[in-house]
N, C-alpha and C. Protein backbone atom coordinates (compact mmCIF):
# COMPACT_ATOMS: atom_id res chain seq x y z
N UNK A 1 -121.06 -145.95 -45.74
CA UNK A 1 -120.01 -146.61 -46.47
C UNK A 1 -119.25 -147.53 -45.51
N UNK A 2 -119.06 -148.76 -45.90
CA UNK A 2 -118.35 -149.74 -45.09
C UNK A 2 -116.86 -149.41 -45.06
N UNK A 3 -116.30 -149.38 -43.84
CA UNK A 3 -114.87 -149.12 -43.73
C UNK A 3 -114.07 -150.36 -44.15
N UNK A 4 -112.90 -150.11 -44.71
CA UNK A 4 -112.01 -151.17 -45.14
C UNK A 4 -111.31 -151.73 -43.89
N UNK A 5 -111.46 -153.03 -43.67
CA UNK A 5 -110.83 -153.70 -42.52
C UNK A 5 -109.37 -154.01 -42.90
N UNK A 6 -108.44 -153.51 -42.08
CA UNK A 6 -107.03 -153.57 -42.43
C UNK A 6 -106.21 -154.25 -41.33
N UNK A 7 -105.37 -155.18 -41.75
CA UNK A 7 -104.37 -155.79 -40.87
C UNK A 7 -103.02 -155.22 -41.28
N UNK A 8 -102.29 -154.69 -40.31
CA UNK A 8 -101.00 -154.05 -40.55
C UNK A 8 -99.89 -154.93 -39.98
N UNK A 9 -98.90 -155.26 -40.82
CA UNK A 9 -97.81 -156.14 -40.41
C UNK A 9 -96.48 -155.46 -40.72
N UNK A 10 -95.64 -155.31 -39.69
CA UNK A 10 -94.31 -154.76 -39.90
C UNK A 10 -93.42 -155.21 -38.75
N UNK A 11 -92.20 -155.63 -39.07
CA UNK A 11 -91.33 -156.15 -38.03
C UNK A 11 -90.69 -155.06 -37.17
N UNK A 12 -90.84 -153.81 -37.54
CA UNK A 12 -90.33 -152.70 -36.73
C UNK A 12 -91.47 -152.17 -35.86
N UNK A 13 -91.38 -152.47 -34.57
CA UNK A 13 -92.47 -152.15 -33.63
C UNK A 13 -92.84 -150.66 -33.64
N UNK A 14 -91.85 -149.79 -33.67
CA UNK A 14 -92.13 -148.35 -33.63
C UNK A 14 -92.83 -147.92 -34.92
N UNK A 15 -92.34 -148.38 -36.07
CA UNK A 15 -93.00 -148.02 -37.33
C UNK A 15 -94.43 -148.57 -37.36
N UNK A 16 -94.61 -149.77 -36.87
CA UNK A 16 -95.94 -150.39 -36.82
C UNK A 16 -96.92 -149.50 -36.05
N UNK A 17 -96.48 -149.04 -34.90
CA UNK A 17 -97.34 -148.17 -34.07
C UNK A 17 -97.61 -146.84 -34.78
N UNK A 18 -96.56 -146.24 -35.38
CA UNK A 18 -96.73 -144.97 -36.07
C UNK A 18 -97.67 -145.10 -37.27
N UNK A 19 -97.51 -146.17 -38.04
CA UNK A 19 -98.38 -146.38 -39.20
C UNK A 19 -99.82 -146.60 -38.77
N UNK A 20 -100.03 -147.39 -37.71
CA UNK A 20 -101.39 -147.62 -37.21
C UNK A 20 -102.00 -146.31 -36.71
N UNK A 21 -101.22 -145.51 -36.00
CA UNK A 21 -101.70 -144.20 -35.52
C UNK A 21 -102.05 -143.29 -36.68
N UNK A 22 -101.19 -143.26 -37.70
CA UNK A 22 -101.45 -142.44 -38.88
C UNK A 22 -102.78 -142.84 -39.52
N UNK A 23 -102.99 -144.13 -39.73
CA UNK A 23 -104.22 -144.60 -40.36
C UNK A 23 -105.44 -144.29 -39.50
N UNK A 24 -105.32 -144.46 -38.21
CA UNK A 24 -106.46 -144.16 -37.31
C UNK A 24 -106.79 -142.68 -37.30
N UNK A 25 -105.76 -141.83 -37.33
CA UNK A 25 -105.99 -140.38 -37.27
C UNK A 25 -106.47 -139.79 -38.59
N UNK A 26 -105.89 -140.25 -39.70
CA UNK A 26 -106.15 -139.60 -40.98
C UNK A 26 -107.09 -140.37 -41.90
N UNK A 27 -107.37 -141.62 -41.59
CA UNK A 27 -108.16 -142.43 -42.51
C UNK A 27 -109.29 -143.17 -41.79
N UNK A 28 -109.61 -142.77 -40.58
CA UNK A 28 -110.56 -143.54 -39.77
C UNK A 28 -111.95 -143.60 -40.39
N UNK A 29 -112.30 -142.65 -41.23
CA UNK A 29 -113.60 -142.71 -41.88
C UNK A 29 -113.68 -143.80 -42.94
N UNK A 30 -112.53 -144.20 -43.48
CA UNK A 30 -112.49 -145.20 -44.54
C UNK A 30 -111.83 -146.51 -44.13
N UNK A 31 -110.93 -146.45 -43.15
CA UNK A 31 -110.13 -147.62 -42.78
C UNK A 31 -110.30 -147.92 -41.29
N UNK A 32 -110.51 -149.19 -40.99
CA UNK A 32 -110.53 -149.66 -39.61
C UNK A 32 -109.33 -150.58 -39.43
N UNK A 33 -108.36 -150.18 -38.61
CA UNK A 33 -107.21 -151.03 -38.32
C UNK A 33 -107.69 -152.08 -37.33
N UNK A 34 -107.86 -153.32 -37.83
CA UNK A 34 -108.41 -154.39 -36.99
C UNK A 34 -107.32 -155.18 -36.27
N UNK A 35 -106.06 -154.97 -36.66
CA UNK A 35 -104.97 -155.66 -35.99
C UNK A 35 -103.62 -155.16 -36.45
N UNK A 36 -102.65 -155.29 -35.56
CA UNK A 36 -101.26 -154.98 -35.88
C UNK A 36 -100.40 -156.11 -35.33
N UNK A 37 -99.52 -156.64 -36.15
CA UNK A 37 -98.63 -157.72 -35.73
C UNK A 37 -97.25 -157.48 -36.33
N UNK A 38 -96.24 -158.16 -35.74
CA UNK A 38 -94.87 -157.92 -36.15
C UNK A 38 -94.33 -158.91 -37.16
N UNK A 39 -95.09 -159.94 -37.52
CA UNK A 39 -94.59 -160.83 -38.57
C UNK A 39 -95.75 -161.49 -39.31
N UNK A 40 -95.47 -161.96 -40.49
CA UNK A 40 -96.49 -162.52 -41.38
C UNK A 40 -97.14 -163.76 -40.77
N UNK A 41 -96.36 -164.58 -40.08
CA UNK A 41 -96.92 -165.78 -39.47
C UNK A 41 -98.02 -165.42 -38.45
N UNK A 42 -97.76 -164.41 -37.62
CA UNK A 42 -98.78 -163.94 -36.67
C UNK A 42 -99.99 -163.42 -37.42
N UNK A 43 -99.74 -162.69 -38.49
CA UNK A 43 -100.83 -162.14 -39.29
C UNK A 43 -101.70 -163.23 -39.88
N UNK A 44 -101.08 -164.26 -40.43
CA UNK A 44 -101.86 -165.38 -41.00
C UNK A 44 -102.70 -166.06 -39.93
N UNK A 45 -102.16 -166.16 -38.72
CA UNK A 45 -102.90 -166.79 -37.64
C UNK A 45 -104.14 -165.98 -37.26
N UNK A 46 -104.12 -164.68 -37.50
CA UNK A 46 -105.23 -163.81 -37.12
C UNK A 46 -106.24 -163.55 -38.24
N UNK A 47 -105.90 -163.89 -39.45
CA UNK A 47 -106.76 -163.56 -40.59
C UNK A 47 -108.18 -164.12 -40.42
N UNK A 48 -108.31 -165.36 -40.02
CA UNK A 48 -109.64 -165.95 -39.87
C UNK A 48 -110.46 -165.25 -38.80
N UNK A 49 -109.82 -164.79 -37.75
CA UNK A 49 -110.54 -164.10 -36.67
C UNK A 49 -110.85 -162.65 -37.02
N UNK A 50 -109.95 -161.98 -37.73
CA UNK A 50 -110.09 -160.55 -37.99
C UNK A 50 -110.82 -160.22 -39.30
N UNK A 51 -110.79 -161.12 -40.27
CA UNK A 51 -111.43 -160.92 -41.57
C UNK A 51 -111.04 -159.59 -42.23
N UNK A 52 -109.73 -159.36 -42.41
CA UNK A 52 -109.34 -158.10 -43.06
C UNK A 52 -109.69 -158.11 -44.54
N UNK A 53 -109.96 -156.92 -45.07
CA UNK A 53 -110.15 -156.75 -46.50
C UNK A 53 -108.79 -156.58 -47.18
N UNK A 54 -107.86 -155.99 -46.43
CA UNK A 54 -106.53 -155.68 -46.95
C UNK A 54 -105.49 -155.96 -45.87
N UNK A 55 -104.35 -156.53 -46.29
CA UNK A 55 -103.19 -156.69 -45.42
C UNK A 55 -102.09 -155.78 -45.99
N UNK A 56 -101.57 -154.91 -45.13
CA UNK A 56 -100.47 -154.02 -45.50
C UNK A 56 -99.23 -154.53 -44.78
N UNK A 57 -98.16 -154.81 -45.52
CA UNK A 57 -96.98 -155.40 -44.89
C UNK A 57 -95.73 -155.15 -45.72
N UNK A 58 -94.57 -155.40 -45.09
CA UNK A 58 -93.28 -155.29 -45.75
C UNK A 58 -92.69 -156.69 -45.91
N UNK A 59 -92.63 -157.22 -47.12
CA UNK A 59 -92.11 -158.57 -47.31
C UNK A 59 -90.60 -158.63 -47.46
N UNK A 60 -89.93 -157.47 -47.46
CA UNK A 60 -88.49 -157.44 -47.66
C UNK A 60 -87.77 -157.33 -46.32
N UNK A 61 -86.94 -158.29 -46.03
CA UNK A 61 -86.11 -158.25 -44.83
C UNK A 61 -84.88 -159.08 -45.11
N UNK A 62 -83.90 -159.04 -44.21
CA UNK A 62 -82.70 -159.86 -44.44
C UNK A 62 -83.00 -161.36 -44.49
N UNK A 63 -84.10 -161.79 -43.88
CA UNK A 63 -84.39 -163.23 -43.81
C UNK A 63 -85.44 -163.71 -44.80
N UNK A 64 -86.10 -162.80 -45.51
CA UNK A 64 -87.12 -163.23 -46.47
C UNK A 64 -87.19 -162.25 -47.63
N UNK A 65 -87.83 -162.70 -48.70
CA UNK A 65 -87.97 -161.83 -49.86
C UNK A 65 -89.40 -161.90 -50.37
N UNK A 66 -89.76 -160.93 -51.16
CA UNK A 66 -91.10 -160.90 -51.74
C UNK A 66 -91.34 -162.12 -52.62
N UNK A 67 -90.30 -162.56 -53.32
CA UNK A 67 -90.45 -163.73 -54.19
C UNK A 67 -90.88 -164.96 -53.39
N UNK A 68 -90.44 -165.05 -52.16
CA UNK A 68 -90.77 -166.23 -51.34
C UNK A 68 -92.13 -166.10 -50.66
N UNK A 69 -92.43 -164.96 -50.07
CA UNK A 69 -93.63 -164.84 -49.23
C UNK A 69 -94.88 -164.45 -50.00
N UNK A 70 -94.79 -163.61 -51.01
CA UNK A 70 -95.99 -163.12 -51.70
C UNK A 70 -96.80 -164.21 -52.41
N UNK A 71 -96.19 -165.12 -53.16
CA UNK A 71 -97.02 -166.16 -53.77
C UNK A 71 -97.74 -167.02 -52.73
N UNK A 72 -97.07 -167.27 -51.61
CA UNK A 72 -97.70 -168.02 -50.53
C UNK A 72 -98.90 -167.25 -49.97
N UNK A 73 -98.73 -165.96 -49.70
CA UNK A 73 -99.83 -165.15 -49.18
C UNK A 73 -100.97 -165.04 -50.18
N UNK A 74 -100.64 -164.85 -51.45
CA UNK A 74 -101.70 -164.73 -52.47
C UNK A 74 -102.53 -166.01 -52.51
N UNK A 75 -101.87 -167.17 -52.42
CA UNK A 75 -102.59 -168.45 -52.42
C UNK A 75 -103.40 -168.63 -51.14
N UNK A 76 -102.84 -168.22 -50.02
CA UNK A 76 -103.52 -168.40 -48.73
C UNK A 76 -104.65 -167.40 -48.53
N UNK A 77 -104.55 -166.23 -49.17
CA UNK A 77 -105.53 -165.15 -48.96
C UNK A 77 -106.08 -164.64 -50.29
N UNK A 78 -106.76 -165.49 -51.04
CA UNK A 78 -107.18 -165.07 -52.39
C UNK A 78 -108.15 -163.90 -52.41
N UNK A 79 -108.92 -163.70 -51.37
CA UNK A 79 -109.89 -162.62 -51.37
C UNK A 79 -109.44 -161.38 -50.64
N UNK A 80 -108.19 -161.32 -50.25
CA UNK A 80 -107.67 -160.21 -49.45
C UNK A 80 -106.70 -159.38 -50.29
N UNK A 81 -106.84 -158.06 -50.23
CA UNK A 81 -105.91 -157.19 -50.93
C UNK A 81 -104.56 -157.20 -50.22
N UNK A 82 -103.49 -157.22 -50.99
CA UNK A 82 -102.13 -157.23 -50.43
C UNK A 82 -101.40 -155.97 -50.87
N UNK A 83 -101.05 -155.14 -49.89
CA UNK A 83 -100.33 -153.90 -50.16
C UNK A 83 -98.95 -154.00 -49.51
N UNK A 84 -97.92 -153.91 -50.32
CA UNK A 84 -96.56 -153.89 -49.81
C UNK A 84 -96.22 -152.46 -49.42
N UNK A 85 -95.76 -152.29 -48.19
CA UNK A 85 -95.32 -151.00 -47.68
C UNK A 85 -93.86 -151.19 -47.29
N UNK A 86 -92.96 -150.70 -48.12
CA UNK A 86 -91.54 -151.03 -47.97
C UNK A 86 -90.64 -149.80 -47.89
N UNK A 87 -89.56 -149.95 -47.14
CA UNK A 87 -88.55 -148.89 -47.07
C UNK A 87 -87.77 -148.81 -48.38
N UNK A 88 -87.86 -149.85 -49.16
CA UNK A 88 -87.14 -149.89 -50.44
C UNK A 88 -87.95 -149.17 -51.51
N UNK A 89 -87.30 -148.26 -52.19
CA UNK A 89 -87.98 -147.44 -53.20
C UNK A 89 -87.66 -147.84 -54.63
N UNK A 90 -86.59 -148.60 -54.81
CA UNK A 90 -86.13 -148.91 -56.15
C UNK A 90 -87.19 -149.67 -56.94
N UNK A 91 -87.24 -149.35 -58.23
CA UNK A 91 -88.22 -149.99 -59.11
C UNK A 91 -88.13 -151.50 -59.15
N UNK A 92 -86.94 -152.03 -58.94
CA UNK A 92 -86.77 -153.48 -58.97
C UNK A 92 -87.60 -154.14 -57.86
N UNK A 93 -87.70 -153.50 -56.70
CA UNK A 93 -88.50 -154.07 -55.60
C UNK A 93 -89.99 -153.97 -55.90
N UNK A 94 -90.40 -152.84 -56.47
CA UNK A 94 -91.81 -152.68 -56.87
C UNK A 94 -92.19 -153.76 -57.88
N UNK A 95 -91.37 -153.93 -58.90
CA UNK A 95 -91.67 -154.92 -59.93
C UNK A 95 -91.68 -156.33 -59.35
N UNK A 96 -90.75 -156.63 -58.46
CA UNK A 96 -90.70 -157.97 -57.85
C UNK A 96 -91.93 -158.22 -57.00
N UNK A 97 -92.36 -157.24 -56.23
CA UNK A 97 -93.53 -157.41 -55.36
C UNK A 97 -94.80 -157.59 -56.19
N UNK A 98 -94.97 -156.78 -57.21
CA UNK A 98 -96.17 -156.89 -58.05
C UNK A 98 -96.18 -158.19 -58.84
N UNK A 99 -95.01 -158.59 -59.35
CA UNK A 99 -94.93 -159.85 -60.10
C UNK A 99 -95.18 -161.06 -59.21
N UNK A 100 -94.85 -160.94 -57.93
CA UNK A 100 -95.02 -162.06 -57.00
C UNK A 100 -96.41 -162.14 -56.40
N UNK A 101 -97.29 -161.16 -56.68
CA UNK A 101 -98.67 -161.27 -56.21
C UNK A 101 -99.23 -160.10 -55.43
N UNK A 102 -98.43 -159.08 -55.14
CA UNK A 102 -98.95 -157.91 -54.44
C UNK A 102 -99.91 -157.15 -55.35
N UNK A 103 -100.92 -156.54 -54.75
CA UNK A 103 -101.83 -155.69 -55.52
C UNK A 103 -101.28 -154.29 -55.69
N UNK A 104 -100.57 -153.82 -54.67
CA UNK A 104 -100.05 -152.46 -54.67
C UNK A 104 -98.69 -152.43 -53.98
N UNK A 105 -97.90 -151.41 -54.29
CA UNK A 105 -96.58 -151.20 -53.68
C UNK A 105 -96.47 -149.74 -53.29
N UNK A 106 -96.16 -149.47 -52.02
CA UNK A 106 -96.01 -148.10 -51.53
C UNK A 106 -94.68 -147.98 -50.78
N UNK A 107 -93.80 -147.08 -51.20
CA UNK A 107 -92.60 -146.83 -50.40
C UNK A 107 -92.98 -146.18 -49.07
N UNK A 108 -92.33 -146.58 -47.99
CA UNK A 108 -92.65 -146.01 -46.68
C UNK A 108 -92.47 -144.49 -46.68
N UNK A 109 -91.55 -143.98 -47.44
CA UNK A 109 -91.32 -142.54 -47.51
C UNK A 109 -92.52 -141.80 -48.11
N UNK A 110 -93.38 -142.52 -48.83
CA UNK A 110 -94.53 -141.91 -49.49
C UNK A 110 -95.86 -142.29 -48.81
N UNK A 111 -95.79 -142.73 -47.58
CA UNK A 111 -96.97 -143.24 -46.88
C UNK A 111 -98.11 -142.22 -46.84
N UNK A 112 -97.80 -140.96 -46.60
CA UNK A 112 -98.84 -139.94 -46.45
C UNK A 112 -99.65 -139.77 -47.73
N UNK A 113 -98.98 -139.68 -48.85
CA UNK A 113 -99.67 -139.44 -50.12
C UNK A 113 -100.20 -140.69 -50.78
N UNK A 114 -99.53 -141.84 -50.61
CA UNK A 114 -99.86 -143.00 -51.42
C UNK A 114 -100.57 -144.16 -50.71
N UNK A 115 -100.49 -144.25 -49.38
CA UNK A 115 -101.01 -145.45 -48.73
C UNK A 115 -102.53 -145.57 -48.84
N UNK A 116 -103.28 -144.55 -48.51
CA UNK A 116 -104.73 -144.67 -48.57
C UNK A 116 -105.23 -144.97 -49.98
N UNK A 117 -104.75 -144.29 -51.02
CA UNK A 117 -105.20 -144.66 -52.37
C UNK A 117 -104.87 -146.11 -52.72
N UNK A 118 -103.70 -146.59 -52.28
CA UNK A 118 -103.33 -147.99 -52.56
C UNK A 118 -104.26 -148.95 -51.82
N UNK A 119 -104.61 -148.63 -50.58
CA UNK A 119 -105.54 -149.46 -49.81
C UNK A 119 -106.90 -149.49 -50.50
N UNK A 120 -107.37 -148.34 -50.94
CA UNK A 120 -108.66 -148.28 -51.64
C UNK A 120 -108.64 -149.17 -52.88
N UNK A 121 -107.58 -149.06 -53.68
CA UNK A 121 -107.50 -149.87 -54.90
C UNK A 121 -107.44 -151.36 -54.57
N UNK A 122 -106.65 -151.73 -53.59
CA UNK A 122 -106.52 -153.15 -53.23
C UNK A 122 -107.84 -153.70 -52.69
N UNK A 123 -108.57 -152.90 -51.95
CA UNK A 123 -109.85 -153.35 -51.39
C UNK A 123 -110.92 -153.49 -52.45
N UNK A 124 -110.78 -152.76 -53.54
CA UNK A 124 -111.78 -152.78 -54.60
C UNK A 124 -111.62 -153.90 -55.59
N UNK A 125 -110.54 -154.63 -55.51
CA UNK A 125 -110.28 -155.69 -56.48
C UNK A 125 -110.99 -156.97 -56.07
N UNK A 126 -111.51 -157.67 -57.05
CA UNK A 126 -112.05 -159.01 -56.83
C UNK A 126 -111.07 -159.97 -57.48
N UNK A 127 -110.52 -160.87 -56.70
CA UNK A 127 -109.52 -161.79 -57.19
C UNK A 127 -110.11 -163.15 -57.48
N UNK A 128 -109.52 -163.91 -58.38
CA UNK A 128 -109.99 -165.27 -58.63
C UNK A 128 -109.97 -166.07 -57.33
N UNK A 129 -111.05 -166.77 -57.08
CA UNK A 129 -111.13 -167.58 -55.86
C UNK A 129 -111.70 -166.84 -54.68
N UNK A 130 -111.90 -165.52 -54.81
CA UNK A 130 -112.44 -164.75 -53.70
C UNK A 130 -113.92 -165.08 -53.51
N UNK A 131 -114.35 -165.12 -52.27
CA UNK A 131 -115.75 -165.38 -51.97
C UNK A 131 -116.47 -164.04 -51.97
N UNK A 132 -117.37 -163.86 -52.89
CA UNK A 132 -118.14 -162.63 -52.96
C UNK A 132 -119.49 -162.87 -52.32
N UNK A 133 -120.25 -161.81 -52.14
CA UNK A 133 -121.59 -161.95 -51.53
C UNK A 133 -122.45 -162.93 -52.31
N UNK A 134 -122.35 -162.92 -53.64
CA UNK A 134 -123.18 -163.79 -54.44
C UNK A 134 -122.75 -165.25 -54.30
N UNK A 135 -121.46 -165.50 -54.03
CA UNK A 135 -120.94 -166.84 -53.97
C UNK A 135 -120.96 -167.45 -52.57
N UNK A 136 -121.22 -166.61 -51.53
CA UNK A 136 -121.20 -167.14 -50.18
C UNK A 136 -122.31 -168.16 -50.01
N UNK A 137 -122.00 -169.28 -49.34
CA UNK A 137 -123.05 -170.27 -49.10
C UNK A 137 -124.07 -169.70 -48.12
N UNK A 138 -125.31 -170.02 -48.34
CA UNK A 138 -126.37 -169.54 -47.44
C UNK A 138 -126.44 -170.42 -46.22
N UNK A 139 -126.63 -169.77 -45.05
CA UNK A 139 -126.76 -170.52 -43.79
C UNK A 139 -128.11 -171.22 -43.79
N UNK A 140 -128.14 -172.42 -43.27
CA UNK A 140 -129.39 -173.17 -43.20
C UNK A 140 -129.85 -173.33 -41.79
């Protein structure tokens, strides 16, 4: 079974390390953490080199919102699953993230129970514009 290639983005360095360690320890049979970065701009710069299947990130901060960043990411990464992993638990944030283009929303407090299932679901989706095996151009 092919492991899901995952890029993890979080502006809190300690949480980023802990989340990456958790995924490596508990999900290594299904998930390969191919990169960790502290902001979305760094993540976008690495997407072409890392080829993640799923990007897990927190779009909510004092300087940005899901409404601003998620539509941009969805357009830039049509074939990549987007999982929001946020400290915010309120339903309004979940609804805003999903309406803005996220595939899944996981509160950070529920990371142990909910993150891997959300990653699996996001990786299994085929989005409009995604390049599938059948659509990939053949090398000549």
